[in-house]
C-alpha atoms as a PDB file:
ATOM      1  CA  UNK A   1     -63.435  35.075 -26.721  1.00  0.00           C
ATOM      2  CA  UNK A   2     -60.094  34.267 -24.570  1.00  0.00           C
ATOM      3  CA  UNK A   3     -60.715  32.062 -21.689  1.00  0.00           C
ATOM      4  CA  UNK A   4     -58.822  32.094 -18.379  1.00  0.00           C
ATOM      5  CA  UNK A   5     -58.437  28.994 -16.730  1.00  0.00           C
ATOM      6  CA  UNK A   6     -56.201  29.620 -13.632  1.00  0.00           C
ATOM      7  CA  UNK A   7     -57.890  28.865 -11.136  1.00  0.00           C
ATOM      8  CA  UNK A   8     -54.883  30.245  -8.150  1.00  0.00           C
ATOM      9  CA  UNK A   9     -57.815  32.269  -6.937  1.00  0.00           C
ATOM     10  CA  UNK A  10     -58.644  32.200  -2.981  1.00  0.00           C
ATOM     11  CA  UNK A  11     -61.860  33.362  -1.892  1.00  0.00           C
ATOM     12  CA  UNK A  12     -60.793  34.163   1.402  1.00  0.00           C
ATOM     13  CA  UNK A  13     -63.414  36.910   1.894  1.00  0.00           C
ATOM     14  CA  UNK A  14     -66.582  35.056   0.796  1.00  0.00           C
ATOM     15  CA  UNK A  15     -68.716  33.075   2.745  1.00  0.00           C
ATOM     16  CA  UNK A  16     -68.430  29.449   3.862  1.00  0.00           C
ATOM     17  CA  UNK A  17     -71.384  28.074   1.094  1.00  0.00           C
ATOM     18  CA  UNK A  18     -69.140  29.703  -1.578  1.00  0.00           C
ATOM     19  CA  UNK A  19     -65.669  28.579  -0.378  1.00  0.00           C
ATOM     20  CA  UNK A  20     -67.473  25.173   0.022  1.00  0.00           C
ATOM     21  CA  UNK A  21     -68.597  25.012  -3.330  1.00  0.00           C
ATOM     22  CA  UNK A  22     -65.888  26.333  -4.668  1.00  0.00           C
ATOM     23  CA  UNK A  23     -63.900  24.217  -3.451  1.00  0.00           C
ATOM     24  CA  UNK A  24     -65.610  20.902  -4.894  1.00  0.00           C
ATOM     25  CA  UNK A  25     -65.533  22.922  -8.479  1.00  0.00           C
ATOM     26  CA  UNK A  26     -61.524  23.230  -7.820  1.00  0.00           C
ATOM     27  CA  UNK A  27     -61.882  19.327  -7.065  1.00  0.00           C
ATOM     28  CA  UNK A  28     -64.056  18.539 -10.110  1.00  0.00           C
ATOM     29  CA  UNK A  29     -61.393  20.235 -12.327  1.00  0.00           C
ATOM     30  CA  UNK A  30     -58.224  18.970 -10.521  1.00  0.00           C
ATOM     31  CA  UNK A  31     -59.733  15.322 -10.399  1.00  0.00           C
ATOM     32  CA  UNK A  32     -60.812  15.102 -14.056  1.00  0.00           C
ATOM     33  CA  UNK A  33     -58.952  17.615 -16.172  1.00  0.00           C
ATOM     34  CA  UNK A  34     -60.445  16.770 -19.165  1.00  0.00           C
ATOM     35  CA  UNK A  35     -59.444  18.028 -22.789  1.00  0.00           C
ATOM     36  CA  UNK A  36     -61.763  19.888 -23.741  1.00  0.00           C
ATOM     37  CA  UNK A  37     -62.658  20.623 -27.684  1.00  0.00           C
ATOM     38  CA  UNK A  38     -64.828  23.708 -26.538  1.00  0.00           C
ATOM     39  CA  UNK A  39     -61.403  25.295 -25.172  1.00  0.00           C
ATOM     40  CA  UNK A  40     -59.311  24.658 -27.824  1.00  0.00           C
ATOM     41  CA  UNK A  41     -62.342  26.746 -29.988  1.00  0.00           C
ATOM     42  CA  UNK A  42     -62.528  29.562 -27.564  1.00  0.00           C
ATOM     43  CA  UNK A  43     -58.930  30.113 -27.104  1.00  0.00           C
ATOM     44  CA  UNK A  44     -58.239  30.051 -30.650  1.00  0.00           C
ATOM     45  CA  UNK A  45     -61.901  32.398 -31.820  1.00  0.00           C
ATOM     46  CA  UNK A  46     -60.097  35.802 -31.303  1.00  0.00           C
ATOM     47  CA  UNK A  47     -56.379  35.070 -33.113  1.00  0.00           C
ATOM     48  CA  UNK A  48     -54.796  36.735 -35.917  1.00  0.00           C
ATOM     49  CA  UNK A  49     -52.853  33.841 -37.121  1.00  0.00           C
ATOM     50  CA  UNK A  50     -55.248  31.993 -40.033  1.00  0.00           C
ATOM     51  CA  UNK A  51     -52.606  28.831 -39.802  1.00  0.00           C
ATOM     52  CA  UNK A  52     -53.271  28.399 -35.793  1.00  0.00           C
ATOM     53  CA  UNK A  53     -56.538  28.752 -36.713  1.00  0.00           C
ATOM     54  CA  UNK A  54     -57.447  26.575 -39.097  1.00  0.00           C
ATOM     55  CA  UNK A  55     -55.084  23.287 -37.411  1.00  0.00           C
ATOM     56  CA  UNK A  56     -56.448  24.517 -34.303  1.00  0.00           C
ATOM     57  CA  UNK A  57     -60.109  23.649 -35.729  1.00  0.00           C
ATOM     58  CA  UNK A  58     -58.914  20.135 -37.453  1.00  0.00           C
ATOM     59  CA  UNK A  59     -57.983  19.127 -33.826  1.00  0.00           C
ATOM     60  CA  UNK A  60     -60.928  20.694 -32.463  1.00  0.00           C
ATOM     61  CA  UNK A  61     -63.467  18.862 -34.846  1.00  0.00           C
ATOM     62  CA  UNK A  62     -61.601  15.865 -33.948  1.00  0.00           C
ATOM     63  CA  UNK A  63     -61.599  15.497 -30.431  1.00  0.00           C
ATOM     64  CA  UNK A  64     -65.361  16.708 -30.602  1.00  0.00           C
ATOM     65  CA  UNK A  65     -66.113  13.802 -32.776  1.00  0.00           C
ATOM     66  CA  UNK A  66     -64.370  11.259 -29.922  1.00  0.00           C
ATOM     67  CA  UNK A  67     -66.647  13.274 -26.720  1.00  0.00           C
ATOM     68  CA  UNK A  68     -69.488  12.535 -29.144  1.00  0.00           C
ATOM     69  CA  UNK A  69     -69.005   9.138 -29.620  1.00  0.00           C
ATOM     70  CA  UNK A  70     -68.487   8.425 -25.936  1.00  0.00           C
ATOM     71  CA  UNK A  71     -71.750  10.084 -25.235  1.00  0.00           C
ATOM     72  CA  UNK A  72     -73.389   8.396 -27.823  1.00  0.00           C
ATOM     73  CA  UNK A  73     -72.153   4.791 -25.638  1.00  0.00           C
ATOM     74  CA  UNK A  74     -73.035   5.757 -22.440  1.00  0.00           C
ATOM     75  CA  UNK A  75     -76.361   6.335 -23.821  1.00  0.00           C
ATOM     76  CA  UNK A  76     -76.313   2.725 -25.329  1.00  0.00           C
ATOM     77  CA  UNK A  77     -75.126   0.986 -22.399  1.00  0.00           C
ATOM     78  CA  UNK A  78     -77.318   2.936 -20.294  1.00  0.00           C
ATOM     79  CA  UNK A  79     -80.350   2.129 -22.517  1.00  0.00           C
ATOM     80  CA  UNK A  80     -79.802  -1.359 -23.071  1.00  0.00           C
ATOM     81  CA  UNK A  81     -78.791  -2.100 -18.894  1.00  0.00           C
ATOM     82  CA  UNK A  82     -75.430  -2.984 -19.906  1.00  0.00           C
ATOM     83  CA  UNK A  83     -73.170  -0.022 -18.423  1.00  0.00           C
ATOM     84  CA  UNK A  84     -72.488   0.758 -14.687  1.00  0.00           C
ATOM     85  CA  UNK A  85     -75.967   1.476 -13.268  1.00  0.00           C
ATOM     86  CA  UNK A  86     -75.426   4.419 -11.685  1.00  0.00           C
ATOM     87  CA  UNK A  87     -76.226   7.715 -12.593  1.00  0.00           C
ATOM     88  CA  UNK A  88     -73.603   9.654 -14.959  1.00  0.00           C
ATOM     89  CA  UNK A  89     -71.259   6.576 -14.399  1.00  0.00           C
ATOM     90  CA  UNK A  90     -70.652   5.510 -17.640  1.00  0.00           C
ATOM     91  CA  UNK A  91     -70.461   9.172 -18.587  1.00  0.00           C
ATOM     92  CA  UNK A  92     -67.693   9.608 -16.575  1.00  0.00           C
ATOM     93  CA  UNK A  93     -66.069   6.237 -16.863  1.00  0.00           C
ATOM     94  CA  UNK A  94     -65.685   6.923 -20.692  1.00  0.00           C
ATOM     95  CA  UNK A  95     -64.729  10.720 -20.652  1.00  0.00           C
ATOM     96  CA  UNK A  96     -61.980   9.915 -18.308  1.00  0.00           C
ATOM     97  CA  UNK A  97     -60.617   6.880 -20.501  1.00  0.00           C
ATOM     98  CA  UNK A  98     -60.549   9.186 -23.750  1.00  0.00           C
ATOM     99  CA  UNK A  99     -59.364  12.011 -21.264  1.00  0.00           C
ATOM    100  CA  UNK A 100     -61.920  14.641 -23.024  1.00  0.00           C
ATOM    101  CA  UNK A 101     -64.844  16.394 -22.224  1.00  0.00           C
ATOM    102  CA  UNK A 102     -66.779  19.946 -22.531  1.00  0.00           C
ATOM    103  CA  UNK A 103     -69.122  21.197 -20.517  1.00  0.00           C
ATOM    104  CA  UNK A 104     -71.420  18.944 -20.376  1.00  0.00           C
ATOM    105  CA  UNK A 105     -68.802  15.924 -18.919  1.00  0.00           C
ATOM    106  CA  UNK A 106     -67.476  18.298 -16.321  1.00  0.00           C
ATOM    107  CA  UNK A 107     -71.043  19.255 -15.259  1.00  0.00           C
ATOM    108  CA  UNK A 108     -71.692  15.688 -14.611  1.00  0.00           C
ATOM    109  CA  UNK A 109     -68.372  15.412 -12.658  1.00  0.00           C
ATOM    110  CA  UNK A 110     -69.545  18.561 -10.698  1.00  0.00           C
ATOM    111  CA  UNK A 111     -73.001  16.822  -9.605  1.00  0.00           C
ATOM    112  CA  UNK A 112     -70.651  13.315  -8.772  1.00  0.00           C
ATOM    113  CA  UNK A 113     -68.748  16.061  -6.580  1.00  0.00           C
ATOM    114  CA  UNK A 114     -71.929  16.807  -5.179  1.00  0.00           C
ATOM    115  CA  UNK A 115     -73.200  13.931  -4.476  1.00  0.00           C
ATOM    116  CA  UNK A 116     -69.776  12.662  -2.844  1.00  0.00           C
ATOM    117  CA  UNK A 117     -69.821  15.068  -0.333  1.00  0.00           C
ATOM    118  CA  UNK A 118     -73.476  14.598   0.620  1.00  0.00           C
ATOM    119  CA  UNK A 119     -75.087  17.708  -1.125  1.00  0.00           C
ATOM    120  CA  UNK A 120     -77.984  15.749  -2.959  1.00  0.00           C
ATOM    121  CA  UNK A 121     -80.180  19.229  -3.685  1.00  0.00           C
ATOM    122  CA  UNK A 122     -78.097  19.688  -7.072  1.00  0.00           C
ATOM    123  CA  UNK A 123     -79.393  19.686 -10.855  1.00  0.00           C
ATOM    124  CA  UNK A 124     -77.241  19.954 -14.193  1.00  0.00           C
ATOM    125  CA  UNK A 125     -78.357  22.954 -15.978  1.00  0.00           C
ATOM    126  CA  UNK A 126     -78.371  24.049 -19.848  1.00  0.00           C
ATOM    127  CA  UNK A 127     -77.660  27.785 -20.143  1.00  0.00           C
ATOM    128  CA  UNK A 128     -80.600  30.169 -22.321  1.00  0.00           C
ATOM    129  CA  UNK A 129     -80.922  33.620 -22.720  1.00  0.00           C
ATOM    130  CA  UNK A 130     -83.861  35.323 -23.370  1.00  0.00           C
ATOM    131  CA  UNK A 131     -84.412  38.700 -25.343  1.00  0.00           C
ATOM    132  CA  UNK A 132     -87.449  40.464 -25.144  1.00  0.00           C
ATOM    133  CA  UNK A 133     -87.784  43.973 -26.904  1.00  0.00           C
ATOM    134  CA  UNK A 134     -89.713  46.542 -24.673  1.00  0.00           C
ATOM    135  CA  UNK A 135     -92.210  49.226 -26.316  1.00  0.00           C
ATOM    136  CA  UNK A 136     -90.098  52.546 -25.153  1.00  0.00           C
ATOM    137  CA  UNK A 137     -93.816  54.673 -25.266  1.00  0.00           C
ATOM    138  CA  UNK A 138     -96.176  51.877 -23.996  1.00  0.00           C
ATOM    139  CA  UNK A 139     -93.480  50.291 -21.767  1.00  0.00           C
ATOM    140  CA  UNK A 140     -94.900  47.025 -22.899  1.00  0.00           C
ATOM    141  CA  UNK A 141     -92.389  43.782 -23.862  1.00  0.00           C
ATOM    142  CA  UNK A 142     -94.309  42.661 -27.587  1.00  0.00           C
ATOM    143  CA  UNK A 143     -91.496  40.042 -28.391  1.00  0.00           C
ATOM    144  CA  UNK A 144     -89.670  37.369 -26.215  1.00  0.00           C
ATOM    145  CA  UNK A 145     -87.953  34.709 -27.650  1.00  0.00           C
ATOM    146  CA  UNK A 146     -85.120  32.150 -25.958  1.00  0.00           C
ATOM    147  CA  UNK A 147     -82.029  30.591 -27.553  1.00  0.00           C
ATOM    148  CA  UNK A 148     -79.337  28.181 -26.015  1.00  0.00           C
ATOM    149  CA  UNK A 149     -75.976  28.975 -25.628  1.00  0.00           C
ATOM    150  CA  UNK A 150     -74.774  26.008 -25.388  1.00  0.00           C
ATOM    151  CA  UNK A 151     -72.985  25.669 -22.149  1.00  0.00           C
ATOM    152  CA  UNK A 152     -74.013  23.385 -19.266  1.00  0.00           C
ATOM    153  CA  UNK A 153     -72.797  23.420 -15.328  1.00  0.00           C
ATOM    154  CA  UNK A 154     -74.254  22.467 -12.061  1.00  0.00           C
ATOM    155  CA  UNK A 155     -76.684  24.011  -9.643  1.00  0.00           C
ATOM    156  CA  UNK A 156     -77.105  23.892  -6.195  1.00  0.00           C
ATOM    157  CA  UNK A 157     -78.146  25.258  -2.560  1.00  0.00           C
ATOM    158  CA  UNK A 158     -75.397  22.862  -0.751  1.00  0.00           C
ATOM    159  CA  UNK A 159     -78.750  21.215   1.011  1.00  0.00           C
ATOM    160  CA  UNK A 160     -79.821  24.906   2.690  1.00  0.00           C
ATOM    161  CA  UNK A 161     -83.230  24.821   0.807  1.00  0.00           C
ATOM    162  CA  UNK A 162     -82.662  28.792   1.191  1.00  0.00           C
ATOM    163  CA  UNK A 163     -83.269  29.294  -2.619  1.00  0.00           C
ATOM    164  CA  UNK A 164     -79.954  30.811  -2.570  1.00  0.00           C
ATOM    165  CA  UNK A 165     -78.641  28.600  -5.922  1.00  0.00           C
ATOM    166  CA  UNK A 166     -74.815  28.215  -6.628  1.00  0.00           C
ATOM    167  CA  UNK A 167     -73.651  27.542  -9.468  1.00  0.00           C
ATOM    168  CA  UNK A 168     -70.512  25.183  -9.859  1.00  0.00           C
ATOM    169  CA  UNK A 169     -69.207  25.309 -13.028  1.00  0.00           C
ATOM    170  CA  UNK A 170     -65.809  23.477 -13.111  1.00  0.00           C
ATOM    171  CA  UNK A 171     -65.773  23.998 -17.288  1.00  0.00           C
ATOM    172  CA  UNK A 172     -65.645  27.767 -16.304  1.00  0.00           C
ATOM    173  CA  UNK A 173     -63.392  28.059 -13.686  1.00  0.00           C
ATOM    174  CA  UNK A 174     -65.989  29.121 -10.864  1.00  0.00           C
ATOM    175  CA  UNK A 175     -68.417  28.899  -8.440  1.00  0.00           C
ATOM    176  CA  UNK A 176     -70.727  31.501  -7.331  1.00  0.00           C
ATOM    177  CA  UNK A 177     -74.697  33.018  -6.104  1.00  0.00           C
ATOM    178  CA  UNK A 178     -76.598  33.125  -9.758  1.00  0.00           C
ATOM    179  CA  UNK A 179     -76.465  36.536  -9.819  1.00  0.00           C
ATOM    180  CA  UNK A 180     -72.530  36.760  -9.572  1.00  0.00           C
ATOM    181  CA  UNK A 181     -72.421  33.764 -12.000  1.00  0.00           C
ATOM    182  CA  UNK A 182     -74.746  35.416 -14.376  1.00  0.00           C
ATOM    183  CA  UNK A 183     -72.480  38.647 -14.506  1.00  0.00           C
ATOM    184  CA  UNK A 184     -69.202  36.137 -15.269  1.00  0.00           C
ATOM    185  CA  UNK A 185     -71.638  34.204 -18.432  1.00  0.00           C
ATOM    186  CA  UNK A 186     -71.947  38.087 -19.741  1.00  0.00           C
ATOM    187  CA  UNK A 187     -67.801  38.134 -19.907  1.00  0.00           C
ATOM    188  CA  UNK A 188     -67.989  34.278 -21.286  1.00  0.00           C
ATOM    189  CA  UNK A 189     -70.358  34.468 -23.680  1.00  0.00           C
ATOM    190  CA  UNK A 190     -70.441  37.831 -24.876  1.00  0.00           C
ATOM    191  CA  UNK A 191     -70.079  36.832 -28.252  1.00  0.00           C
ATOM    192  CA  UNK A 192     -73.381  34.498 -28.457  1.00  0.00           C
ATOM    193  CA  UNK A 193     -75.421  37.127 -26.622  1.00  0.00           C
ATOM    194  CA  UNK A 194     -74.547  39.394 -29.475  1.00  0.00           C
ATOM    195  CA  UNK A 195     -75.690  37.108 -31.500  1.00  0.00           C
ATOM    196  CA  UNK A 196     -78.627  36.000 -29.951  1.00  0.00           C
ATOM    197  CA  UNK A 197     -79.921  39.225 -30.038  1.00  0.00           C
ATOM    198  CA  UNK A 198     -79.109  40.095 -33.369  1.00  0.00           C
ATOM    199  CA  UNK A 199     -81.308  36.885 -34.115  1.00  0.00           C
ATOM    200  CA  UNK A 200     -84.046  37.361 -32.387  1.00  0.00           C
ATOM    201  CA  UNK A 201     -84.298  41.202 -33.241  1.00  0.00           C
ATOM    202  CA  UNK A 202     -85.161  39.929 -36.911  1.00  0.00           C
ATOM    203  CA  UNK A 203     -87.167  37.743 -36.249  1.00  0.00           C
ATOM    204  CA  UNK A 204     -89.039  40.456 -34.239  1.00  0.00           C
ATOM    205  CA  UNK A 205     -88.645  42.298 -37.491  1.00  0.00           C
ATOM    206  CA  UNK A 206     -90.314  39.629 -39.745  1.00  0.00           C
ATOM    207  CA  UNK A 207     -93.395  39.132 -37.705  1.00  0.00           C
ATOM    208  CA  UNK A 208     -93.537  42.903 -37.290  1.00  0.00           C
ATOM    209  CA  UNK A 209     -93.776  43.351 -41.095  1.00  0.00           C
ATOM    210  CA  UNK A 210     -96.189  39.763 -41.407  1.00  0.00           C
ATOM    211  CA  UNK A 211     -98.805  41.871 -39.479  1.00  0.00           C
ATOM    212  CA  UNK A 212     -98.553  43.948 -41.448  1.00  0.00           C
ATOM    213  CA  UNK A 213     -96.847  46.634 -38.657  1.00  0.00           C
ATOM    214  CA  UNK A 214     -95.065  49.798 -39.048  1.00  0.00           C
ATOM    215  CA  UNK A 215     -91.368  48.755 -37.064  1.00  0.00           C
ATOM    216  CA  UNK A 216     -88.978  51.322 -35.780  1.00  0.00           C
ATOM    217  CA  UNK A 217     -86.407  49.504 -34.198  1.00  0.00           C
ATOM    218  CA  UNK A 218     -85.085  52.303 -32.013  1.00  0.00           C
ATOM    219  CA  UNK A 219     -88.623  52.714 -30.492  1.00  0.00           C
ATOM    220  CA  UNK A 220     -87.581  49.413 -28.553  1.00  0.00           C
ATOM    221  CA  UNK A 221     -85.430  48.532 -25.973  1.00  0.00           C
ATOM    222  CA  UNK A 222     -83.641  45.363 -25.879  1.00  0.00           C
ATOM    223  CA  UNK A 223     -83.577  43.441 -22.460  1.00  0.00           C
ATOM    224  CA  UNK A 224     -82.184  40.085 -22.055  1.00  0.00           C
ATOM    225  CA  UNK A 225     -81.618  37.489 -19.388  1.00  0.00           C
ATOM    226  CA  UNK A 226     -79.875  33.916 -18.648  1.00  0.00           C
ATOM    227  CA  UNK A 227     -82.413  31.150 -18.020  1.00  0.00           C
ATOM    228  CA  UNK A 228     -81.418  28.164 -16.784  1.00  0.00           C
ATOM    229  CA  UNK A 229     -82.989  24.709 -17.830  1.00  0.00           C
ATOM    230  CA  UNK A 230     -83.006  21.791 -15.905  1.00  0.00           C
ATOM    231  CA  UNK A 231     -81.834  18.766 -18.034  1.00  0.00           C
ATOM    232  CA  UNK A 232     -83.048  15.927 -15.659  1.00  0.00           C
ATOM    233  CA  UNK A 233     -85.921  16.727 -13.778  1.00  0.00           C
ATOM    234  CA  UNK A 234     -86.678  13.342 -12.861  1.00  0.00           C
ATOM    235  CA  UNK A 235     -83.737  12.232 -11.061  1.00  0.00           C
ATOM    236  CA  UNK A 236     -84.537  10.834  -8.030  1.00  0.00           C
ATOM    237  CA  UNK A 237     -82.510  10.961  -4.685  1.00  0.00           C
ATOM    238  CA  UNK A 238     -82.078   7.523  -4.770  1.00  0.00           C
ATOM    239  CA  UNK A 239     -80.427   8.031  -7.822  1.00  0.00           C
ATOM    240  CA  UNK A 240     -78.249  10.889  -6.439  1.00  0.00           C
ATOM    241  CA  UNK A 241     -77.194   8.875  -3.381  1.00  0.00           C
ATOM    242  CA  UNK A 242     -76.341   5.845  -5.551  1.00  0.00           C
ATOM    243  CA  UNK A 243     -73.952   8.334  -7.734  1.00  0.00           C
ATOM    244  CA  UNK A 244     -72.770   9.777  -4.172  1.00  0.00           C
ATOM    245  CA  UNK A 245     -71.662   6.307  -3.110  1.00  0.00           C
ATOM    246  CA  UNK A 246     -70.185   5.564  -6.339  1.00  0.00           C
ATOM    247  CA  UNK A 247     -68.136   8.331  -6.422  1.00  0.00           C
ATOM    248  CA  UNK A 248     -66.869   8.361  -2.958  1.00  0.00           C
ATOM    249  CA  UNK A 249     -65.696   4.653  -3.748  1.00  0.00           C
ATOM    250  CA  UNK A 250     -64.104   5.273  -7.440  1.00  0.00           C
ATOM    251  CA  UNK A 251     -63.091   8.948  -7.070  1.00  0.00           C
ATOM    252  CA  UNK A 252     -62.070   9.816  -3.169  1.00  0.00           C
ATOM    253  CA  UNK A 253     -60.168  12.724  -4.339  1.00  0.00           C
ATOM    254  CA  UNK A 254     -63.521  14.546  -4.401  1.00  0.00           C
ATOM    255  CA  UNK A 255     -64.285  14.430  -0.917  1.00  0.00           C
ATOM    256  CA  UNK A 256     -63.463  17.325   0.784  1.00  0.00           C
ATOM    257  CA  UNK A 257     -61.698  17.414   3.945  1.00  0.00           C
ATOM    258  CA  UNK A 258     -63.028  17.628   7.378  1.00  0.00           C
END
């Protein structure tokens, strides 16, 4: 999966909401600009040069080890009440120190940027994919299963409370309404989706066989959709306001110009 991270795209024809969200996404990416092990994995995934792929996998593994260690250190600081004491502050501080981060770090940075600009109605999400198998004859869905796609991003409505959620994803380099974001995710995670559908098809077949039922997979239509799973459902507005104050002080570059 080759991902283009060229953000020189201008949304002159898009509405104000998307332009605002995309500006926040761009400021987040430009301010932190983490080196990402998952980007390296994705870039070299389809390459033909085995030597390059081997070296890339070795480098990616080393970077991933540091990223995971930073996450663990931030969690320990938070649990021991020895850190900065602000939501995501230790995570961002350590990630900035190492210069490394994957989608999780970018998602936390996006939440900080949203809060820095006063958009506290936001959520950090994990991306899941749900697969269902619909019986063509009866029209009923007989099996549903969902699995994680190992991706994280931010969602907001820019405090408009109009149920039009906007995905803000600095790792992937875009901000857009949920339906359009899902179309982008289909392209970005096409291989993972196919793997999930194949795995769920096998589980469906096993369930049918265990129940002594005959299964002809051609009699079923595969249907799939993305699910956004919240990461911190108990985060309060007070915590987000504190993060906003912290981000405005430490990362003033995240603030949009009036």
